[in-house]
PDB file of all heavy atoms in Angstrom:
ATOM      1  N   LYS A   1       3.469   5.520  16.716  1.00  0.00           N
ATOM      2  CA  LYS A   1       3.903   4.426  15.942  1.00  0.00           C
ATOM      3  C   LYS A   1       2.686   3.773  15.239  1.00  0.00           C
ATOM      4  O   LYS A   1       2.838   3.321  14.111  1.00  0.00           O
ATOM      5  CB  LYS A   1       4.592   3.375  16.836  1.00  0.00           C
ATOM      6  CG  LYS A   1       5.971   3.881  17.223  1.00  0.00           C
ATOM      7  CD  LYS A   1       6.719   2.914  18.107  1.00  0.00           C
ATOM      8  CE  LYS A   1       8.145   3.477  18.471  1.00  0.00           C
ATOM      9  NZ  LYS A   1       8.856   2.549  19.177  1.00  0.00           N
ATOM     10  N   SER A   2       1.541   3.807  15.905  1.00  0.00           N
ATOM     11  CA  SER A   2       0.386   3.258  15.270  1.00  0.00           C
ATOM     12  C   SER A   2      -0.043   4.075  14.059  1.00  0.00           C
ATOM     13  O   SER A   2      -0.424   3.487  13.074  1.00  0.00           O
ATOM     14  CB  SER A   2      -0.793   3.292  16.274  1.00  0.00           C
ATOM     15  OG  SER A   2      -2.001   2.884  15.741  1.00  0.00           O
ATOM     16  N   ALA A   3       0.115   5.347  14.111  1.00  0.00           N
ATOM     17  CA  ALA A   3      -0.205   6.327  13.052  1.00  0.00           C
ATOM     18  C   ALA A   3       0.720   6.026  11.954  1.00  0.00           C
ATOM     19  O   ALA A   3       0.280   5.960  10.730  1.00  0.00           O
ATOM     20  CB  ALA A   3      -0.176   7.758  13.469  1.00  0.00           C
ATOM     21  N   ASN A   4       1.984   5.860  12.221  1.00  0.00           N
ATOM     22  CA  ASN A   4       2.994   5.542  11.184  1.00  0.00           C
ATOM     23  C   ASN A   4       2.691   4.220  10.545  1.00  0.00           C
ATOM     24  O   ASN A   4       2.892   4.033   9.299  1.00  0.00           O
ATOM     25  CB  ASN A   4       4.381   5.517  11.837  1.00  0.00           C
ATOM     26  CG  ASN A   4       4.923   6.879  12.189  1.00  0.00           C
ATOM     27  OD1 ASN A   4       4.284   7.961  11.732  1.00  0.00           O
ATOM     28  ND2 ASN A   4       5.897   7.010  13.005  1.00  0.00           N
ATOM     29  N   MET A   5       2.303   3.101  11.309  1.00  0.00           N
ATOM     30  CA  MET A   5       1.963   1.948  10.733  1.00  0.00           C
ATOM     31  C   MET A   5       0.681   2.033   9.856  1.00  0.00           C
ATOM     32  O   MET A   5       0.693   1.352   8.823  1.00  0.00           O
ATOM     33  CB  MET A   5       1.746   0.931  11.869  1.00  0.00           C
ATOM     34  CG  MET A   5       2.946   0.491  12.591  1.00  0.00           C
ATOM     35  SD  MET A   5       2.654  -0.748  13.993  1.00  0.00           S
ATOM     36  CE  MET A   5       2.105  -2.046  13.043  1.00  0.00           C
ATOM     37  N   ASP A   6      -0.238   2.843  10.257  1.00  0.00           N
ATOM     38  CA  ASP A   6      -1.337   2.961   9.359  1.00  0.00           C
ATOM     39  C   ASP A   6      -0.977   3.638   8.027  1.00  0.00           C
ATOM     40  O   ASP A   6      -1.429   3.189   6.978  1.00  0.00           O
ATOM     41  CB  ASP A   6      -2.422   3.962  10.053  1.00  0.00           C
ATOM     42  CG  ASP A   6      -3.165   3.226  11.195  1.00  0.00           C
ATOM     43  OD1 ASP A   6      -3.132   2.022  11.292  1.00  0.00           O
ATOM     44  OD2 ASP A   6      -3.694   3.961  11.991  1.00  0.00           O
ATOM     45  N   ILE A   7      -0.125   4.699   8.114  1.00  0.00           N
ATOM     46  CA  ILE A   7       0.429   5.230   6.843  1.00  0.00           C
ATOM     47  C   ILE A   7       1.188   4.268   6.065  1.00  0.00           C
ATOM     48  O   ILE A   7       0.914   4.199   4.862  1.00  0.00           O
ATOM     49  CB  ILE A   7       1.273   6.569   7.251  1.00  0.00           C
ATOM     50  CG1 ILE A   7       0.512   7.570   7.891  1.00  0.00           C
ATOM     51  CG2 ILE A   7       2.086   6.997   6.057  1.00  0.00           C
ATOM     52  CD1 ILE A   7       1.260   8.717   8.484  1.00  0.00           C
ATOM     53  N   ALA A   8       1.992   3.530   6.640  1.00  0.00           N
ATOM     54  CA  ALA A   8       2.773   2.497   5.893  1.00  0.00           C
ATOM     55  C   ALA A   8       1.791   1.435   5.338  1.00  0.00           C
ATOM     56  O   ALA A   8       2.054   1.021   4.140  1.00  0.00           O
ATOM     57  CB  ALA A   8       3.714   1.783   6.852  1.00  0.00           C
ATOM     58  N   GLY A   9       0.784   1.058   6.028  1.00  0.00           N
ATOM     59  CA  GLY A   9      -0.206   0.103   5.555  1.00  0.00           C
ATOM     60  C   GLY A   9      -0.951   0.661   4.271  1.00  0.00           C
ATOM     61  O   GLY A   9      -1.129  -0.040   3.311  1.00  0.00           O
ATOM     62  N   GLU A  10      -1.200   1.930   4.384  1.00  0.00           N
ATOM     63  CA  GLU A  10      -1.913   2.600   3.255  1.00  0.00           C
ATOM     64  C   GLU A  10      -0.949   2.612   2.053  1.00  0.00           C
ATOM     65  O   GLU A  10      -1.418   2.350   0.934  1.00  0.00           O
ATOM     66  CB  GLU A  10      -2.394   3.957   3.534  1.00  0.00           C
ATOM     67  CG  GLU A  10      -3.505   3.974   4.608  1.00  0.00           C
ATOM     68  CD  GLU A  10      -3.811   5.439   5.108  1.00  0.00           C
ATOM     69  OE1 GLU A  10      -3.213   6.383   4.636  1.00  0.00           O
ATOM     70  OE2 GLU A  10      -4.656   5.541   6.027  1.00  0.00           O
ATOM     71  N   LYS A  11       0.286   2.925   2.315  1.00  0.00           N
ATOM     72  CA  LYS A  11       1.282   2.935   1.134  1.00  0.00           C
ATOM     73  C   LYS A  11       1.390   1.579   0.593  1.00  0.00           C
ATOM     74  O   LYS A  11       1.434   1.450  -0.651  1.00  0.00           O
ATOM     75  CB  LYS A  11       2.575   3.462   1.736  1.00  0.00           C
ATOM     76  CG  LYS A  11       2.572   4.920   1.947  1.00  0.00           C
ATOM     77  CD  LYS A  11       3.984   5.360   2.447  1.00  0.00           C
ATOM     78  CE  LYS A  11       3.947   6.894   2.751  1.00  0.00           C
ATOM     79  NZ  LYS A  11       5.315   7.334   3.245  1.00  0.00           N
ATOM     80  N   ILE A  12       1.420   0.500   1.411  1.00  0.00           N
ATOM     81  CA  ILE A  12       1.538  -0.827   0.892  1.00  0.00           C
ATOM     82  C   ILE A  12       0.353  -1.157   0.173  1.00  0.00           C
ATOM     83  O   ILE A  12       0.469  -1.752  -0.954  1.00  0.00           O
ATOM     84  CB  ILE A  12       1.813  -1.775   2.059  1.00  0.00           C
ATOM     85  CG1 ILE A  12       3.286  -1.590   2.669  1.00  0.00           C
ATOM     86  CG2 ILE A  12       1.665  -3.260   1.646  1.00  0.00           C
ATOM     87  CD1 ILE A  12       3.472  -2.418   3.906  1.00  0.00           C
ATOM     88  N   ASN A  13      -0.838  -0.870   0.672  1.00  0.00           N
ATOM     89  CA  ASN A  13      -2.035  -1.177  -0.205  1.00  0.00           C
ATOM     90  C   ASN A  13      -2.106  -0.477  -1.502  1.00  0.00           C
ATOM     91  O   ASN A  13      -2.429  -1.007  -2.527  1.00  0.00           O
ATOM     92  CB  ASN A  13      -3.221  -0.759   0.661  1.00  0.00           C
ATOM     93  CG  ASN A  13      -3.551  -1.704   1.818  1.00  0.00           C
ATOM     94  OD1 ASN A  13      -3.116  -2.861   1.788  1.00  0.00           O
ATOM     95  ND2 ASN A  13      -4.266  -1.317   2.829  1.00  0.00           N
ATOM     96  N   GLY A  14      -1.614   0.783  -1.529  1.00  0.00           N
ATOM     97  CA  GLY A  14      -1.457   1.533  -2.781  1.00  0.00           C
ATOM     98  C   GLY A  14      -0.479   0.922  -3.774  1.00  0.00           C
ATOM     99  O   GLY A  14      -0.802   0.761  -4.959  1.00  0.00           O
ATOM    100  N   MET A  15       0.632   0.437  -3.170  1.00  0.00           N
ATOM    101  CA  MET A  15       1.645  -0.298  -4.065  1.00  0.00           C
ATOM    102  C   MET A  15       1.116  -1.582  -4.547  1.00  0.00           C
ATOM    103  O   MET A  15       1.287  -1.925  -5.786  1.00  0.00           O
ATOM    104  CB  MET A  15       2.936  -0.534  -3.241  1.00  0.00           C
ATOM    105  CG  MET A  15       3.743   0.749  -3.042  1.00  0.00           C
ATOM    106  SD  MET A  15       5.332   0.177  -2.468  1.00  0.00           S
ATOM    107  CE  MET A  15       5.496   1.290  -1.004  1.00  0.00           C
ATOM    108  N   MET A  16       0.413  -2.298  -3.783  1.00  0.00           N
ATOM    109  CA  MET A  16      -0.142  -3.585  -4.112  1.00  0.00           C
ATOM    110  C   MET A  16      -1.239  -3.344  -5.298  1.00  0.00           C
ATOM    111  O   MET A  16      -1.287  -4.176  -6.167  1.00  0.00           O
ATOM    112  CB  MET A  16      -0.857  -4.298  -2.890  1.00  0.00           C
ATOM    113  CG  MET A  16       0.085  -4.757  -1.899  1.00  0.00           C
ATOM    114  SD  MET A  16       1.215  -6.074  -2.537  1.00  0.00           S
ATOM    115  CE  MET A  16       0.147  -7.348  -2.703  1.00  0.00           C
ATOM    116  N   SER A  17      -2.014  -2.271  -5.042  1.00  0.00           N
ATOM    117  CA  SER A  17      -3.052  -1.979  -6.133  1.00  0.00           C
ATOM    118  C   SER A  17      -2.262  -1.651  -7.480  1.00  0.00           C
ATOM    119  O   SER A  17      -2.707  -2.226  -8.486  1.00  0.00           O
ATOM    120  CB  SER A  17      -3.890  -0.870  -5.715  1.00  0.00           C
ATOM    121  OG  SER A  17      -4.708  -1.238  -4.620  1.00  0.00           O
ATOM    122  N   ARG A  18      -1.321  -0.949  -7.385  1.00  0.00           N
ATOM    123  CA  ARG A  18      -0.591  -0.537  -8.595  1.00  0.00           C
ATOM    124  C   ARG A  18       0.106  -1.715  -9.173  1.00  0.00           C
ATOM    125  O   ARG A  18       0.107  -1.872 -10.440  1.00  0.00           O
ATOM    126  CB  ARG A  18       0.453   0.642  -8.374  1.00  0.00           C
ATOM    127  CG  ARG A  18      -0.214   1.945  -8.026  1.00  0.00           C
ATOM    128  CD  ARG A  18       0.787   3.089  -8.112  1.00  0.00           C
ATOM    129  NE  ARG A  18       1.842   3.012  -7.105  1.00  0.00           N
ATOM    130  CZ  ARG A  18       1.652   3.469  -5.795  1.00  0.00           C
ATOM    131  NH1 ARG A  18       0.661   4.005  -5.431  1.00  0.00           N
ATOM    132  NH2 ARG A  18       2.719   3.383  -5.050  1.00  0.00           N
ATOM    133  N   LEU A  19       0.629  -2.580  -8.363  1.00  0.00           N
ATOM    134  CA  LEU A  19       1.280  -3.841  -8.896  1.00  0.00           C
ATOM    135  C   LEU A  19       0.293  -4.715  -9.511  1.00  0.00           C
ATOM    136  O   LEU A  19       0.596  -5.276 -10.611  1.00  0.00           O
ATOM    137  CB  LEU A  19       1.973  -4.565  -7.771  1.00  0.00           C
ATOM    138  CG  LEU A  19       2.750  -5.849  -8.082  1.00  0.00           C
ATOM    139  CD1 LEU A  19       3.847  -5.575  -9.146  1.00  0.00           C
ATOM    140  CD2 LEU A  19       3.265  -6.522  -6.756  1.00  0.00           C
ATOM    141  N   GLU A  20      -0.900  -4.880  -8.896  1.00  0.00           N
ATOM    142  CA  GLU A  20      -2.020  -5.751  -9.500  1.00  0.00           C
ATOM    143  C   GLU A  20      -2.385  -5.196 -10.761  1.00  0.00           C
ATOM    144  O   GLU A  20      -2.612  -5.934 -11.780  1.00  0.00           O
ATOM    145  CB  GLU A  20      -3.081  -5.879  -8.479  1.00  0.00           C
ATOM    146  CG  GLU A  20      -2.850  -6.690  -7.320  1.00  0.00           C
ATOM    147  CD  GLU A  20      -3.945  -6.637  -6.263  1.00  0.00           C
ATOM    148  OE1 GLU A  20      -4.907  -5.958  -6.396  1.00  0.00           O
ATOM    149  OE2 GLU A  20      -3.839  -7.539  -5.283  1.00  0.00           O
ATOM    150  N   GLU A  21      -2.477  -3.833 -10.940  1.00  0.00           N
ATOM    151  CA  GLU A  21      -2.935  -3.159 -12.150  1.00  0.00           C
ATOM    152  C   GLU A  21      -1.823  -3.419 -13.232  1.00  0.00           C
ATOM    153  O   GLU A  21      -2.137  -3.625 -14.345  1.00  0.00           O
ATOM    154  CB  GLU A  21      -3.139  -1.740 -11.955  1.00  0.00           C
ATOM    155  CG  GLU A  21      -4.418  -1.372 -11.101  1.00  0.00           C
ATOM    156  CD  GLU A  21      -4.491   0.101 -10.797  1.00  0.00           C
ATOM    157  OE1 GLU A  21      -3.648   0.914 -11.381  1.00  0.00           O
ATOM    158  OE2 GLU A  21      -5.394   0.428 -10.094  1.00  0.00           O
ATOM    159  N   ALA A  22      -0.550  -3.363 -12.844  1.00  0.00           N
ATOM    160  CA  ALA A  22       0.542  -3.531 -13.748  1.00  0.00           C
ATOM    161  C   ALA A  22       0.625  -4.883 -14.239  1.00  0.00           C
ATOM    162  O   ALA A  22       0.940  -5.160 -15.416  1.00  0.00           O
ATOM    163  CB  ALA A  22       1.844  -3.074 -13.167  1.00  0.00           C
ATOM    164  N   LEU A  23       0.249  -5.855 -13.338  1.00  0.00           N
ATOM    165  CA  LEU A  23       0.355  -7.297 -13.821  1.00  0.00           C
ATOM    166  C   LEU A  23      -0.945  -7.815 -14.546  1.00  0.00           C
ATOM    167  O   LEU A  23      -0.855  -8.739 -15.198  1.00  0.00           O
ATOM    168  CB  LEU A  23       0.486  -8.161 -12.570  1.00  0.00           C
ATOM    169  CG  LEU A  23       1.868  -8.071 -11.838  1.00  0.00           C
ATOM    170  CD1 LEU A  23       1.822  -8.862 -10.521  1.00  0.00           C
ATOM    171  CD2 LEU A  23       2.944  -8.508 -12.698  1.00  0.00           C
ATOM    172  N   ALA A  24      -2.047  -6.988 -14.493  1.00  0.00           N
ATOM    173  CA  ALA A  24      -3.197  -7.378 -15.107  1.00  0.00           C
ATOM    174  C   ALA A  24      -3.213  -7.099 -16.549  1.00  0.00           C
ATOM    175  O   ALA A  24      -2.465  -6.677 -17.336  1.00  0.00           O
ATOM    176  CB  ALA A  24      -4.440  -6.618 -14.476  1.00  0.00           C
TER     177      ALA A  24
END
């Protein structure tokens, strides 16, 4: 579950980065 949470966290960070880039 910890590994899955790390993967989910990485995906969320990637989405956030793409969202920030799209909004910029």
